PDB file of N, CA and C in Angstrom:
ATOM      1  N   UNK A   1     -43.069-210.303 -56.818  1.00  0.00           N
ATOM      2  CA  UNK A   1     -43.028-209.809 -55.457  1.00  0.00           C
ATOM      3  C   UNK A   1     -43.251-208.591 -55.222  1.00  0.00           C
ATOM      4  N   UNK A   2     -44.006-208.012 -54.422  1.00  0.00           N
ATOM      5  CA  UNK A   2     -44.458-206.597 -54.220  1.00  0.00           C
ATOM      6  C   UNK A   2     -43.158-205.490 -53.931  1.00  0.00           C
ATOM      7  N   UNK A   3     -42.200-206.053 -53.435  1.00  0.00           N
ATOM      8  CA  UNK A   3     -41.122-205.304 -53.195  1.00  0.00           C
ATOM      9  C   UNK A   3     -40.386-204.686 -54.731  1.00  0.00           C
ATOM     10  N   UNK A   4     -40.611-205.757 -55.500  1.00  0.00           N
ATOM     11  CA  UNK A   4     -39.812-205.654 -56.999  1.00  0.00           C
ATOM     12  C   UNK A   4     -40.868-205.021 -57.570  1.00  0.00           C
ATOM     13  N   UNK A   5     -41.856-205.145 -57.740  1.00  0.00           N
ATOM     14  CA  UNK A   5     -43.064-204.511 -58.519  1.00  0.00           C
ATOM     15  C   UNK A   5     -42.724-202.858 -58.966  1.00  0.00           C
ATOM     16  N   UNK A   6     -42.312-202.115 -58.021  1.00  0.00           N
ATOM     17  CA  UNK A   6     -41.838-200.516 -58.517  1.00  0.00           C
ATOM     18  C   UNK A   6     -40.545-200.587 -58.699  1.00  0.00           C
ATOM     19  N   UNK A   7     -40.287-200.421 -59.796  1.00  0.00           N
ATOM     20  CA  UNK A   7     -38.723-200.458 -60.072  1.00  0.00           C
ATOM     21  C   UNK A   7     -38.028-199.230 -59.428  1.00  0.00           C
ATOM     22  N   UNK A   8     -38.826-198.256 -59.167  1.00  0.00           N
ATOM     23  CA  UNK A   8     -37.818-196.906 -58.745  1.00  0.00           C
ATOM     24  C   UNK A   8     -37.324-197.466 -57.515  1.00  0.00           C
ATOM     25  N   UNK A   9     -37.688-198.372 -56.954  1.00  0.00           N
ATOM     26  CA  UNK A   9     -36.834-199.010 -55.505  1.00  0.00           C
ATOM     27  C   UNK A   9     -35.666-199.615 -55.673  1.00  0.00           C
ATOM     28  N   UNK A  10     -35.397-200.347 -56.960  1.00  0.00           N
ATOM     29  CA  UNK A  10     -34.537-201.047 -57.194  1.00  0.00           C
ATOM     30  C   UNK A  10     -32.958-200.283 -57.352  1.00  0.00           C
ATOM     31  N   UNK A  11     -32.022-200.974 -56.850  1.00  0.00           N
ATOM     32  CA  UNK A  11     -30.589-200.432 -57.142  1.00  0.00           C
ATOM     33  C   UNK A  11     -29.967-201.639 -57.851  1.00  0.00           C
ATOM     34  N   UNK A  12     -29.310-201.212 -59.007  1.00  0.00           N
ATOM     35  CA  UNK A  12     -28.475-202.016 -59.715  1.00  0.00           C
ATOM     36  C   UNK A  12     -27.004-201.978 -59.598  1.00  0.00           C
ATOM     37  N   UNK A  13     -26.346-202.789 -59.694  1.00  0.00           N
ATOM     38  CA  UNK A  13     -24.802-202.944 -59.260  1.00  0.00           C
ATOM     39  C   UNK A  13     -24.441-202.785 -60.688  1.00  0.00           C
ATOM     40  N   UNK A  14     -22.850-202.403 -60.803  1.00  0.00           N
ATOM     41  CA  UNK A  14     -22.332-202.119 -61.712  1.00  0.00           C
ATOM     42  C   UNK A  14     -22.142-203.220 -63.038  1.00  0.00           C
ATOM     43  N   UNK A  15     -22.352-204.221 -62.428  1.00  0.00           N
ATOM     44  CA  UNK A  15     -22.446-205.475 -63.555  1.00  0.00           C
ATOM     45  C   UNK A  15     -23.737-205.799 -64.032  1.00  0.00           C
ATOM     46  N   UNK A  16     -24.775-205.108 -63.676  1.00  0.00           N
ATOM     47  CA  UNK A  16     -26.098-205.348 -64.143  1.00  0.00           C
ATOM     48  C   UNK A  16     -26.747-206.633 -63.874  1.00  0.00           C
ATOM     49  N   UNK A  17     -26.460-207.351 -63.039  1.00  0.00           N
ATOM     50  CA  UNK A  17     -26.942-208.682 -62.789  1.00  0.00           C
ATOM     51  C   UNK A  17     -27.246-208.711 -61.547  1.00  0.00           C
ATOM     52  N   UNK A  18     -26.731-207.963 -60.379  1.00  0.00           N
ATOM     53  CA  UNK A  18     -27.242-207.831 -59.074  1.00  0.00           C
ATOM     54  C   UNK A  18     -28.034-206.590 -58.850  1.00  0.00           C
ATOM     55  N   UNK A  19     -29.359-206.990 -58.170  1.00  0.00           N
ATOM     56  CA  UNK A  19     -30.137-206.050 -57.732  1.00  0.00           C
ATOM     57  C   UNK A  19     -30.534-206.104 -56.214  1.00  0.00           C
ATOM     58  N   UNK A  20     -30.921-204.735 -55.760  1.00  0.00           N
ATOM     59  CA  UNK A  20     -31.087-204.584 -54.360  1.00  0.00           C
ATOM     60  C   UNK A  20     -32.323-203.800 -54.030  1.00  0.00           C
ATOM     61  N   UNK A  21     -33.057-203.902 -53.146  1.00  0.00           N
ATOM     62  CA  UNK A  21     -34.199-202.839 -52.546  1.00  0.00           C
ATOM     63  C   UNK A  21     -33.984-202.531 -51.237  1.00  0.00           C
ATOM     64  N   UNK A  22     -34.205-201.411 -50.790  1.00  0.00           N
ATOM     65  CA  UNK A  22     -33.469-200.987 -49.560  1.00  0.00           C
ATOM     66  C   UNK A  22     -34.763-201.387 -48.507  1.00  0.00           C
ATOM     67  N   UNK A  23     -35.840-202.052 -49.034  1.00  0.00           N
ATOM     68  CA  UNK A  23     -36.862-202.417 -48.307  1.00  0.00           C
ATOM     69  C   UNK A  23     -36.893-203.771 -47.721  1.00  0.00           C
ATOM     70  N   UNK A  24     -35.695-204.652 -48.329  1.00  0.00           N
ATOM     71  CA  UNK A  24     -35.458-205.911 -48.287  1.00  0.00           C
ATOM     72  C   UNK A  24     -33.839-206.184 -47.963  1.00  0.00           C
ATOM     73  N   UNK A  25     -33.641-207.094 -47.120  1.00  0.00           N
ATOM     74  CA  UNK A  25     -32.361-207.467 -46.875  1.00  0.00           C
ATOM     75  C   UNK A  25     -31.624-208.373 -47.951  1.00  0.00           C
ATOM     76  N   UNK A  26     -32.421-208.703 -48.757  1.00  0.00           N
ATOM     77  CA  UNK A  26     -32.140-209.874 -49.844  1.00  0.00           C
ATOM     78  C   UNK A  26     -31.782-209.430 -51.046  1.00  0.00           C
ATOM     79  N   UNK A  27     -30.722-209.555 -51.757  1.00  0.00           N
ATOM     80  CA  UNK A  27     -30.177-209.033 -53.196  1.00  0.00           C
ATOM     81  C   UNK A  27     -30.741-209.993 -53.998  1.00  0.00           C
ATOM     82  N   UNK A  28     -31.028-209.468 -55.185  1.00  0.00           N
ATOM     83  CA  UNK A  28     -31.328-210.611 -56.277  1.00  0.00           C
ATOM     84  C   UNK A  28     -30.105-210.588 -57.304  1.00  0.00           C
ATOM     85  N   UNK A  29     -29.862-211.930 -57.666  1.00  0.00           N
ATOM     86  CA  UNK A  29     -28.882-212.179 -58.735  1.00  0.00           C
ATOM     87  C   UNK A  29     -29.696-212.527 -60.071  1.00  0.00           C
ATOM     88  N   UNK A  30     -29.666-212.055 -61.141  1.00  0.00           N
ATOM     89  CA  UNK A  30     -29.796-212.658 -62.385  1.00  0.00           C
ATOM     90  C   UNK A  30     -28.999-212.990 -63.262  1.00  0.00           C
ATOM     91  N   UNK A  31     -28.423-214.120 -62.935  1.00  0.00           N
ATOM     92  CA  UNK A  31     -26.992-214.384 -63.949  1.00  0.00           C
ATOM     93  C   UNK A  31     -27.298-214.773 -65.335  1.00  0.00           C
ATOM     94  N   UNK A  32     -26.523-214.691 -66.132  1.00  0.00           N
ATOM     95  CA  UNK A  32     -26.701-215.188 -67.509  1.00  0.00           C
ATOM     96  C   UNK A  32     -26.841-216.499 -67.875  1.00  0.00           C
ATOM     97  N   UNK A  33     -27.464-216.778 -68.790  1.00  0.00           N
ATOM     98  CA  UNK A  33     -27.806-218.398 -69.018  1.00  0.00           C
ATOM     99  C   UNK A  33     -26.828-218.726 -69.882  1.00  0.00           C
ATOM    100  N   UNK A  34     -26.352-220.128 -70.097  1.00  0.00           N
ATOM    101  CA  UNK A  34     -26.995-221.005 -69.146  1.00  0.00           C
ATOM    102  C   UNK A  34     -26.209-221.089 -67.893  1.00  0.00           C
ATOM    103  N   UNK A  35     -27.065-221.486 -66.898  1.00  0.00           N
ATOM    104  CA  UNK A  35     -26.669-221.465 -65.599  1.00  0.00           C
ATOM    105  C   UNK A  35     -25.596-222.607 -65.627  1.00  0.00           C
ATOM    106  N   UNK A  36     -24.634-222.126 -64.565  1.00  0.00           N
ATOM    107  CA  UNK A  36     -23.538-223.184 -64.631  1.00  0.00           C
ATOM    108  C   UNK A  36     -23.166-223.363 -63.263  1.00  0.00           C
ATOM    109  N   UNK A  37     -22.373-224.612 -63.085  1.00  0.00           N
ATOM    110  CA  UNK A  37     -21.602-224.855 -61.572  1.00  0.00           C
ATOM    111  C   UNK A  37     -20.335-225.354 -62.282  1.00  0.00           C
ATOM    112  N   UNK A  38     -19.519-224.516 -62.002  1.00  0.00           N
ATOM    113  CA  UNK A  38     -18.266-224.827 -62.850  1.00  0.00           C
ATOM    114  C   UNK A  38     -18.372-224.739 -64.117  1.00  0.00           C
ATOM    115  N   UNK A  39     -18.015-225.698 -65.162  1.00  0.00           N
ATOM    116  CA  UNK A  39     -18.255-225.968 -66.428  1.00  0.00           C
ATOM    117  C   UNK A  39     -19.409-226.456 -66.784  1.00  0.00           C
ATOM    118  N   UNK A  40     -20.113-227.306 -65.938  1.00  0.00           N
ATOM    119  CA  UNK A  40     -21.196-228.072 -66.247  1.00  0.00           C
ATOM    120  C   UNK A  40     -22.545-227.292 -66.052  1.00  0.00           C
ATOM    121  N   UNK A  41     -23.463-227.338 -67.049  1.00  0.00           N
ATOM    122  CA  UNK A  41     -24.888-226.739 -67.031  1.00  0.00           C
ATOM    123  C   UNK A  41     -25.708-227.308 -65.984  1.00  0.00           C
ATOM    124  N   UNK A  42     -26.251-226.321 -65.233  1.00  0.00           N
ATOM    125  CA  UNK A  42     -27.295-226.872 -64.110  1.00  0.00           C
ATOM    126  C   UNK A  42     -28.306-227.538 -64.977  1.00  0.00           C
ATOM    127  N   UNK A  43     -28.864-228.699 -64.603  1.00  0.00           N
ATOM    128  CA  UNK A  43     -29.890-229.173 -65.107  1.00  0.00           C
ATOM    129  C   UNK A  43     -31.500-228.847 -64.557  1.00  0.00           C
ATOM    130  N   UNK A  44     -31.480-228.724 -63.528  1.00  0.00           N
ATOM    131  CA  UNK A  44     -32.888-228.369 -62.888  1.00  0.00           C
ATOM    132  C   UNK A  44     -32.503-227.350 -61.988  1.00  0.00           C
ATOM    133  N   UNK A  45     -33.919-226.555 -61.714  1.00  0.00           N
ATOM    134  CA  UNK A  45     -34.014-225.654 -60.832  1.00  0.00           C
ATOM    135  C   UNK A  45     -35.126-225.952 -59.826  1.00  0.00           C
ATOM    136  N   UNK A  46     -35.106-225.242 -58.707  1.00  0.00           N
ATOM    137  CA  UNK A  46     -36.463-225.322 -58.030  1.00  0.00           C
ATOM    138  C   UNK A  46     -37.447-224.142 -58.279  1.00  0.00           C
ATOM    139  N   UNK A  47     -38.640-224.369 -58.115  1.00  0.00           N
ATOM    140  CA  UNK A  47     -39.439-222.946 -58.126  1.00  0.00           C
ATOM    141  C   UNK A  47     -40.082-223.034 -57.171  1.00  0.00           C
ATOM    142  N   UNK A  48     -40.197-221.616 -56.699  1.00  0.00           N
ATOM    143  CA  UNK A  48     -41.126-221.415 -55.653  1.00  0.00           C
ATOM    144  C   UNK A  48     -41.995-220.149 -55.920  1.00  0.00           C
ATOM    145  N   UNK A  49     -42.866-219.917 -55.227  1.00  0.00           N
ATOM    146  CA  UNK A  49     -43.773-218.987 -55.272  1.00  0.00           C
ATOM    147  C   UNK A  49     -43.973-218.162 -54.045  1.00  0.00           C
ATOM    148  N   UNK A  50     -43.770-216.561 -54.469  1.00  0.00           N
ATOM    149  CA  UNK A  50     -43.717-215.708 -53.054  1.00  0.00           C
ATOM    150  C   UNK A  50     -44.930-214.626 -53.628  1.00  0.00           C
ATOM    151  N   UNK A  51     -45.892-214.449 -52.798  1.00  0.00           N
ATOM    152  CA  UNK A  51     -46.689-213.573 -53.156  1.00  0.00           C
ATOM    153  C   UNK A  51     -47.254-213.553 -54.674  1.00  0.00           C
ATOM    154  N   UNK A  52     -47.609-214.537 -55.209  1.00  0.00           N
ATOM    155  CA  UNK A  52     -48.277-214.864 -56.462  1.00  0.00           C
ATOM    156  C   UNK A  52     -47.069-214.770 -57.539  1.00  0.00           C
ATOM    157  N   UNK A  53     -45.698-214.609 -57.353  1.00  0.00           N
ATOM    158  CA  UNK A  53     -44.814-214.586 -58.305  1.00  0.00           C
ATOM    159  C   UNK A  53     -43.792-216.037 -58.150  1.00  0.00           C
ATOM    160  N   UNK A  54     -43.943-216.482 -59.412  1.00  0.00           N
ATOM    161  CA  UNK A  54     -43.215-217.832 -59.302  1.00  0.00           C
ATOM    162  C   UNK A  54     -41.667-217.648 -59.634  1.00  0.00           C
ATOM    163  N   UNK A  55     -40.599-217.775 -58.842  1.00  0.00           N
ATOM    164  CA  UNK A  55     -39.267-217.730 -59.024  1.00  0.00           C
ATOM    165  C   UNK A  55     -38.351-218.855 -59.274  1.00  0.00           C
ATOM    166  N   UNK A  56     -37.663-219.062 -59.952  1.00  0.00           N
ATOM    167  CA  UNK A  56     -36.559-220.084 -60.248  1.00  0.00           C
ATOM    168  C   UNK A  56     -35.499-219.942 -59.344  1.00  0.00           C
ATOM    169  N   UNK A  57     -35.049-221.034 -58.707  1.00  0.00           N
ATOM    170  CA  UNK A  57     -33.821-220.448 -57.667  1.00  0.00           C
ATOM    171  C   UNK A  57     -32.956-222.032 -57.755  1.00  0.00           C
ATOM    172  N   UNK A  58     -31.680-221.711 -57.734  1.00  0.00           N
ATOM    173  CA  UNK A  58     -30.871-222.937 -57.717  1.00  0.00           C
ATOM    174  C   UNK A  58     -31.205-224.046 -56.640  1.00  0.00           C
ATOM    175  N   UNK A  59     -30.770-225.299 -56.756  1.00  0.00           N
ATOM    176  CA  UNK A  59     -31.244-226.271 -55.629  1.00  0.00           C
ATOM    177  C   UNK A  59     -30.055-226.079 -55.021  1.00  0.00           C
ATOM    178  N   UNK A  60     -30.226-226.571 -53.423  1.00  0.00           N
ATOM    179  CA  UNK A  60     -29.180-226.423 -52.691  1.00  0.00           C
ATOM    180  C   UNK A  60     -27.829-227.041 -52.974  1.00  0.00           C
ATOM    181  N   UNK A  61     -28.049-228.266 -53.651  1.00  0.00           N
ATOM    182  CA  UNK A  61     -26.996-229.167 -54.092  1.00  0.00           C
ATOM    183  C   UNK A  61     -26.063-228.314 -55.012  1.00  0.00           C
ATOM    184  N   UNK A  62     -26.674-227.560 -56.069  1.00  0.00           N
ATOM    185  CA  UNK A  62     -25.770-226.666 -57.130  1.00  0.00           C
ATOM    186  C   UNK A  62     -25.154-225.452 -56.088  1.00  0.00           C
ATOM    187  N   UNK A  63     -25.765-225.117 -55.060  1.00  0.00           N
ATOM    188  CA  UNK A  63     -25.045-223.707 -54.384  1.00  0.00           C
ATOM    189  C   UNK A  63     -23.948-224.336 -53.615  1.00  0.00           C
ATOM    190  N   UNK A  64     -23.936-225.624 -52.913  1.00  0.00           N
ATOM    191  CA  UNK A  64     -22.986-226.330 -52.402  1.00  0.00           C
ATOM    192  C   UNK A  64     -21.653-226.508 -53.339  1.00  0.00           C
ATOM    193  N   UNK A  65     -22.261-227.122 -54.537  1.00  0.00           N
ATOM    194  CA  UNK A  65     -21.048-227.251 -55.502  1.00  0.00           C
ATOM    195  C   UNK A  65     -20.114-225.869 -55.728  1.00  0.00           C
ATOM    196  N   UNK A  66     -21.209-224.689 -55.953  1.00  0.00           N
ATOM    197  CA  UNK A  66     -20.573-223.666 -56.509  1.00  0.00           C
ATOM    198  C   UNK A  66     -19.567-222.916 -55.181  1.00  0.00           C
ATOM    199  N   UNK A  67     -19.841-223.111 -53.783  1.00  0.00           N
ATOM    200  CA  UNK A  67     -19.044-222.947 -52.830  1.00  0.00           C
ATOM    201  C   UNK A  67     -17.919-223.613 -52.809  1.00  0.00           C
ATOM    202  N   UNK A  68     -18.004-224.782 -53.158  1.00  0.00           N
ATOM    203  CA  UNK A  68     -16.657-225.558 -53.125  1.00  0.00           C
ATOM    204  C   UNK A  68     -15.844-225.060 -54.337  1.00  0.00           C
ATOM    205  N   UNK A  69     -16.289-224.853 -55.279  1.00  0.00           N
ATOM    206  CA  UNK A  69     -15.609-224.243 -56.570  1.00  0.00           C
ATOM    207  C   UNK A  69     -14.900-223.109 -55.881  1.00  0.00           C
ATOM    208  N   UNK A  70     -15.371-222.268 -55.328  1.00  0.00           N
ATOM    209  CA  UNK A  70     -15.072-220.781 -54.799  1.00  0.00           C
ATOM    210  C   UNK A  70     -13.818-221.275 -53.979  1.00  0.00           C
ATOM    211  N   UNK A  71     -14.131-222.283 -53.098  1.00  0.00           N
ATOM    212  CA  UNK A  71     -13.105-222.515 -51.723  1.00  0.00           C
ATOM    213  C   UNK A  71     -11.687-223.330 -52.499  1.00  0.00           C
ATOM    214  N   UNK A  72     -11.796-223.772 -53.604  1.00  0.00           N
ATOM    215  CA  UNK A  72     -10.815-224.487 -54.348  1.00  0.00           C
ATOM    216  C   UNK A  72     -10.111-223.338 -55.199  1.00  0.00           C
ATOM    217  N   UNK A  73     -10.649-222.451 -55.988  1.00  0.00           N
ATOM    218  CA  UNK A  73     -10.281-221.943 -57.040  1.00  0.00           C
ATOM    219  C   UNK A  73      -9.539-220.670 -56.459  1.00  0.00           C
ATOM    220  N   UNK A  74      -9.948-220.052 -55.201  1.00  0.00           N
ATOM    221  CA  UNK A  74      -9.803-219.000 -54.806  1.00  0.00           C
ATOM    222  C   UNK A  74      -9.010-219.130 -53.189  1.00  0.00           C
ATOM    223  N   UNK A  75      -9.059-220.333 -52.856  1.00  0.00           N
ATOM    224  CA  UNK A  75      -8.695-220.642 -51.498  1.00  0.00           C
ATOM    225  C   UNK A  75      -9.376-219.806 -50.609  1.00  0.00           C
ATOM    226  N   UNK A  76     -11.001-219.772 -50.634  1.00  0.00           N
ATOM    227  CA  UNK A  76     -11.740-218.739 -50.121  1.00  0.00           C
ATOM    228  C   UNK A  76     -12.049-219.638 -48.800  1.00  0.00           C
ATOM    229  N   UNK A  77     -11.850-219.117 -47.617  1.00  0.00           N
ATOM    230  CA  UNK A  77     -12.165-219.577 -46.182  1.00  0.00           C
ATOM    231  C   UNK A  77     -13.725-219.570 -45.926  1.00  0.00           C
ATOM    232  N   UNK A  78     -14.088-218.418 -46.357  1.00  0.00           N
ATOM    233  CA  UNK A  78     -15.398-218.079 -46.256  1.00  0.00           C
ATOM    234  C   UNK A  78     -16.541-219.045 -47.208  1.00  0.00           C
ATOM    235  N   UNK A  79     -16.174-219.442 -48.285  1.00  0.00           N
ATOM    236  CA  UNK A  79     -16.860-220.237 -49.155  1.00  0.00           C
ATOM    237  C   UNK A  79     -16.775-221.614 -48.524  1.00  0.00           C
ATOM    238  N   UNK A  80     -15.608-221.855 -47.974  1.00  0.00           N
ATOM    239  CA  UNK A  80     -15.606-223.164 -47.498  1.00  0.00           C
ATOM    240  C   UNK A  80     -16.489-223.470 -46.155  1.00  0.00           C
ATOM    241  N   UNK A  81     -16.454-222.589 -45.463  1.00  0.00           N
ATOM    242  CA  UNK A  81     -17.220-222.541 -44.358  1.00  0.00           C
ATOM    243  C   UNK A  81     -18.755-222.381 -44.785  1.00  0.00           C
ATOM    244  N   UNK A  82     -18.993-221.714 -45.855  1.00  0.00           N
ATOM    245  CA  UNK A  82     -20.558-221.772 -46.184  1.00  0.00           C
ATOM    246  C   UNK A  82     -20.807-222.995 -46.745  1.00  0.00           C
ATOM    247  N   UNK A  83     -20.095-223.759 -47.483  1.00  0.00           N
ATOM    248  CA  UNK A  83     -20.196-225.072 -47.877  1.00  0.00           C
ATOM    249  C   UNK A  83     -20.563-226.060 -46.850  1.00  0.00           C
ATOM    250  N   UNK A  84     -19.632-225.963 -45.854  1.00  0.00           N
ATOM    251  CA  UNK A  84     -19.984-226.653 -44.523  1.00  0.00           C
ATOM    252  C   UNK A  84     -21.279-226.393 -44.075  1.00  0.00           C
ATOM    253  N   UNK A  85     -21.403-225.122 -43.636  1.00  0.00           N
ATOM    254  CA  UNK A  85     -23.073-224.847 -43.106  1.00  0.00           C
ATOM    255  C   UNK A  85     -23.992-225.332 -44.131  1.00  0.00           C
ATOM    256  N   UNK A  86     -23.998-225.286 -45.535  1.00  0.00           N
ATOM    257  CA  UNK A  86     -25.155-225.647 -46.042  1.00  0.00           C
ATOM    258  C   UNK A  86     -25.250-227.287 -46.022  1.00  0.00           C
ATOM    259  N   UNK A  87     -24.173-227.848 -46.015  1.00  0.00           N
ATOM    260  CA  UNK A  87     -24.266-229.330 -46.029  1.00  0.00           C
ATOM    261  C   UNK A  87     -24.976-229.974 -44.776  1.00  0.00           C
ATOM    262  N   UNK A  88     -24.310-228.973 -43.543  1.00  0.00           N
ATOM    263  CA  UNK A  88     -24.880-229.312 -42.113  1.00  0.00           C
ATOM    264  C   UNK A  88     -26.389-229.070 -42.322  1.00  0.00           C
ATOM    265  N   UNK A  89     -26.795-227.974 -42.645  1.00  0.00           N
ATOM    266  CA  UNK A  89     -28.202-227.640 -42.590  1.00  0.00           C
ATOM    267  C   UNK A  89     -29.063-228.604 -43.317  1.00  0.00           C
ATOM    268  N   UNK A  90     -28.694-228.850 -44.316  1.00  0.00           N
ATOM    269  CA  UNK A  90     -29.662-229.903 -45.432  1.00  0.00           C
ATOM    270  C   UNK A  90     -29.059-231.314 -45.543  1.00  0.00           C
ATOM    271  N   UNK A  91     -28.516-231.559 -44.619  1.00  0.00           N
ATOM    272  CA  UNK A  91     -27.746-232.968 -45.009  1.00  0.00           C
ATOM    273  C   UNK A  91     -28.774-234.041 -45.171  1.00  0.00           C
ATOM    274  N   UNK A  92     -29.943-234.036 -44.595  1.00  0.00           N
ATOM    275  CA  UNK A  92     -30.729-235.346 -44.598  1.00  0.00           C
ATOM    276  C   UNK A  92     -31.690-235.107 -45.936  1.00  0.00           C
ATOM    277  N   UNK A  93     -31.568-234.132 -46.577  1.00  0.00           N
ATOM    278  CA  UNK A  93     -32.346-233.389 -47.902  1.00  0.00           C
ATOM    279  C   UNK A  93     -31.642-233.782 -48.922  1.00  0.00           C
ATOM    280  N   UNK A  94     -30.310-233.850 -49.185  1.00  0.00           N
ATOM    281  CA  UNK A  94     -29.330-233.687 -50.251  1.00  0.00           C
ATOM    282  C   UNK A  94     -29.411-234.945 -51.099  1.00  0.00           C
ATOM    283  N   UNK A  95     -29.102-234.633 -52.386  1.00  0.00           N
ATOM    284  CA  UNK A  95     -29.170-235.757 -53.436  1.00  0.00           C
ATOM    285  C   UNK A  95     -27.607-236.199 -53.388  1.00  0.00           C
ATOM    286  N   UNK A  96     -27.130-237.062 -52.554  1.00  0.00           N
ATOM    287  CA  UNK A  96     -25.658-237.207 -52.318  1.00  0.00           C
ATOM    288  C   UNK A  96     -25.088-237.814 -53.790  1.00  0.00           C
ATOM    289  N   UNK A  97     -25.850-238.665 -54.521  1.00  0.00           N
ATOM    290  CA  UNK A  97     -25.279-239.345 -55.782  1.00  0.00           C
ATOM    291  C   UNK A  97     -25.015-238.212 -56.667  1.00  0.00           C
ATOM    292  N   UNK A  98     -25.912-237.170 -56.791  1.00  0.00           N
ATOM    293  CA  UNK A  98     -25.789-235.955 -57.621  1.00  0.00           C
ATOM    294  C   UNK A  98     -24.574-235.192 -57.420  1.00  0.00           C
ATOM    295  N   UNK A  99     -24.380-234.894 -56.150  1.00  0.00           N
ATOM    296  CA  UNK A  99     -23.071-234.085 -55.369  1.00  0.00           C
ATOM    297  C   UNK A  99     -21.913-234.703 -55.879  1.00  0.00           C
ATOM    298  N   UNK A 100     -21.834-235.896 -55.514  1.00  0.00           N
ATOM    299  CA  UNK A 100     -20.400-236.745 -55.644  1.00  0.00           C
ATOM    300  C   UNK A 100     -20.224-237.026 -57.157  1.00  0.00           C
ATOM    301  N   UNK A 101     -21.284-237.235 -58.179  1.00  0.00           N
ATOM    302  CA  UNK A 101     -20.879-237.148 -59.498  1.00  0.00           C
ATOM    303  C   UNK A 101     -20.418-236.025 -60.038  1.00  0.00           C
ATOM    304  N   UNK A 102     -21.210-234.786 -59.641  1.00  0.00           N
ATOM    305  CA  UNK A 102     -20.903-233.502 -59.984  1.00  0.00           C
ATOM    306  C   UNK A 102     -19.406-232.817 -59.506  1.00  0.00           C
ATOM    307  N   UNK A 103     -19.367-233.150 -58.307  1.00  0.00           N
ATOM    308  CA  UNK A 103     -17.837-232.954 -57.399  1.00  0.00           C
ATOM    309  C   UNK A 103     -16.794-233.692 -58.277  1.00  0.00           C
ATOM    310  N   UNK A 104     -17.025-234.802 -58.618  1.00  0.00           N
ATOM    311  CA  UNK A 104     -16.021-235.352 -59.527  1.00  0.00           C
ATOM    312  C   UNK A 104     -15.713-234.974 -60.546  1.00  0.00           C
ATOM    313  N   UNK A 105     -16.649-234.516 -61.359  1.00  0.00           N
ATOM    314  CA  UNK A 105     -16.744-233.736 -62.898  1.00  0.00           C
ATOM    315  C   UNK A 105     -16.096-232.374 -62.603  1.00  0.00           C
ATOM    316  N   UNK A 106     -16.164-231.784 -61.701  1.00  0.00           N
ATOM    317  CA  UNK A 106     -15.730-230.306 -61.824  1.00  0.00           C
ATOM    318  C   UNK A 106     -14.277-230.113 -60.869  1.00  0.00           C
ATOM    319  N   UNK A 107     -14.075-231.483 -60.392  1.00  0.00           N
ATOM    320  CA  UNK A 107     -12.584-231.260 -59.784  1.00  0.00           C
ATOM    321  C   UNK A 107     -12.673-230.883 -58.235  1.00  0.00           C
ATOM    322  N   UNK A 108     -13.952-231.067 -57.639  1.00  0.00           N
ATOM    323  CA  UNK A 108     -13.849-230.485 -56.126  1.00  0.00           C
ATOM    324  C   UNK A 108     -14.435-231.800 -55.222  1.00  0.00           C
ATOM    325  N   UNK A 109     -14.047-232.791 -55.725  1.00  0.00           N
ATOM    326  CA  UNK A 109     -14.345-234.184 -54.863  1.00  0.00           C
ATOM    327  C   UNK A 109     -13.639-234.416 -53.714  1.00  0.00           C
ATOM    328  N   UNK A 110     -12.323-233.974 -53.855  1.00  0.00           N
ATOM    329  CA  UNK A 110     -11.299-233.960 -52.299  1.00  0.00           C
ATOM    330  C   UNK A 110     -11.843-233.125 -51.122  1.00  0.00           C
ATOM    331  N   UNK A 111     -12.393-231.632 -51.901  1.00  0.00           N
ATOM    332  CA  UNK A 111     -13.261-230.808 -50.729  1.00  0.00           C
ATOM    333  C   UNK A 111     -14.511-231.563 -50.441  1.00  0.00           C
ATOM    334  N   UNK A 112     -15.119-231.935 -51.337  1.00  0.00           N
ATOM    335  CA  UNK A 112     -16.613-232.606 -50.868  1.00  0.00           C
ATOM    336  C   UNK A 112     -16.231-233.451 -49.841  1.00  0.00           C
ATOM    337  N   UNK A 113     -15.474-234.666 -50.100  1.00  0.00           N
ATOM    338  CA  UNK A 113     -15.180-235.626 -49.051  1.00  0.00           C
ATOM    339  C   UNK A 113     -14.770-235.273 -47.559  1.00  0.00           C
ATOM    340  N   UNK A 114     -13.964-234.232 -47.599  1.00  0.00           N
ATOM    341  CA  UNK A 114     -13.306-233.549 -46.349  1.00  0.00           C
ATOM    342  C   UNK A 114     -14.437-232.943 -45.539  1.00  0.00           C
ATOM    343  N   UNK A 115     -15.318-232.180 -46.447  1.00  0.00           N
ATOM    344  CA  UNK A 115     -16.332-231.376 -45.779  1.00  0.00           C
ATOM    345  C   UNK A 115     -17.276-232.367 -45.243  1.00  0.00           C
ATOM    346  N   UNK A 116     -17.898-233.250 -46.062  1.00  0.00           N
ATOM    347  CA  UNK A 116     -18.791-234.090 -45.646  1.00  0.00           C
ATOM    348  C   UNK A 116     -18.402-235.117 -44.402  1.00  0.00           C
ATOM    349  N   UNK A 117     -16.925-235.351 -44.234  1.00  0.00           N
ATOM    350  CA  UNK A 117     -16.672-236.359 -43.077  1.00  0.00           C
ATOM    351  C   UNK A 117     -16.679-235.384 -41.848  1.00  0.00           C
ATOM    352  N   UNK A 118     -16.224-233.951 -42.109  1.00  0.00           N
ATOM    353  CA  UNK A 118     -16.397-233.045 -41.017  1.00  0.00           C
ATOM    354  C   UNK A 118     -17.779-233.161 -40.507  1.00  0.00           C
ATOM    355  N   UNK A 119     -18.735-233.034 -41.598  1.00  0.00           N
ATOM    356  CA  UNK A 119     -20.005-232.551 -40.998  1.00  0.00           C
ATOM    357  C   UNK A 119     -20.801-233.773 -40.472  1.00  0.00           C
ATOM    358  N   UNK A 120     -20.480-235.156 -41.085  1.00  0.00           N
ATOM    359  CA  UNK A 120     -20.913-236.351 -40.371  1.00  0.00           C
ATOM    360  C   UNK A 120     -20.499-236.332 -38.973  1.00  0.00           C
ATOM    361  N   UNK A 121     -19.384-236.078 -38.455  1.00  0.00           N
ATOM    362  CA  UNK A 121     -18.792-236.094 -37.132  1.00  0.00           C
ATOM    363  C   UNK A 121     -19.707-235.243 -36.215  1.00  0.00           C
ATOM    364  N   UNK A 122     -20.412-234.145 -36.627  1.00  0.00           N
ATOM    365  CA  UNK A 122     -21.023-233.302 -35.951  1.00  0.00           C
ATOM    366  C   UNK A 122     -22.461-234.009 -35.582  1.00  0.00           C
TER     367      UNK A 122
END
């Protein structure tokens, strides 16, 4: 991406995996491998191309699972709301069997079911 070609514009956080550029409101996170949601390794990534640069990004299902983990482990209301918003915005395109299977394995099945029930009513 053009905004990341000139590294002099980039600012790195203290943890060395979060980067930002003053020309864009989007931070970039380079997490260590293997990518995981909870204790489960993420199997697939989406690949997008922006201005000729291919980027691998998490699928929305794995982001949803990550937010549900945050909601459970830290009793994080904001993460719970983000999970609800993700589910609502992407409801028709979600891989529900995958989410249910993963949610069960990582211990967030009750949160998943609660959020899904709420979103279905909307």
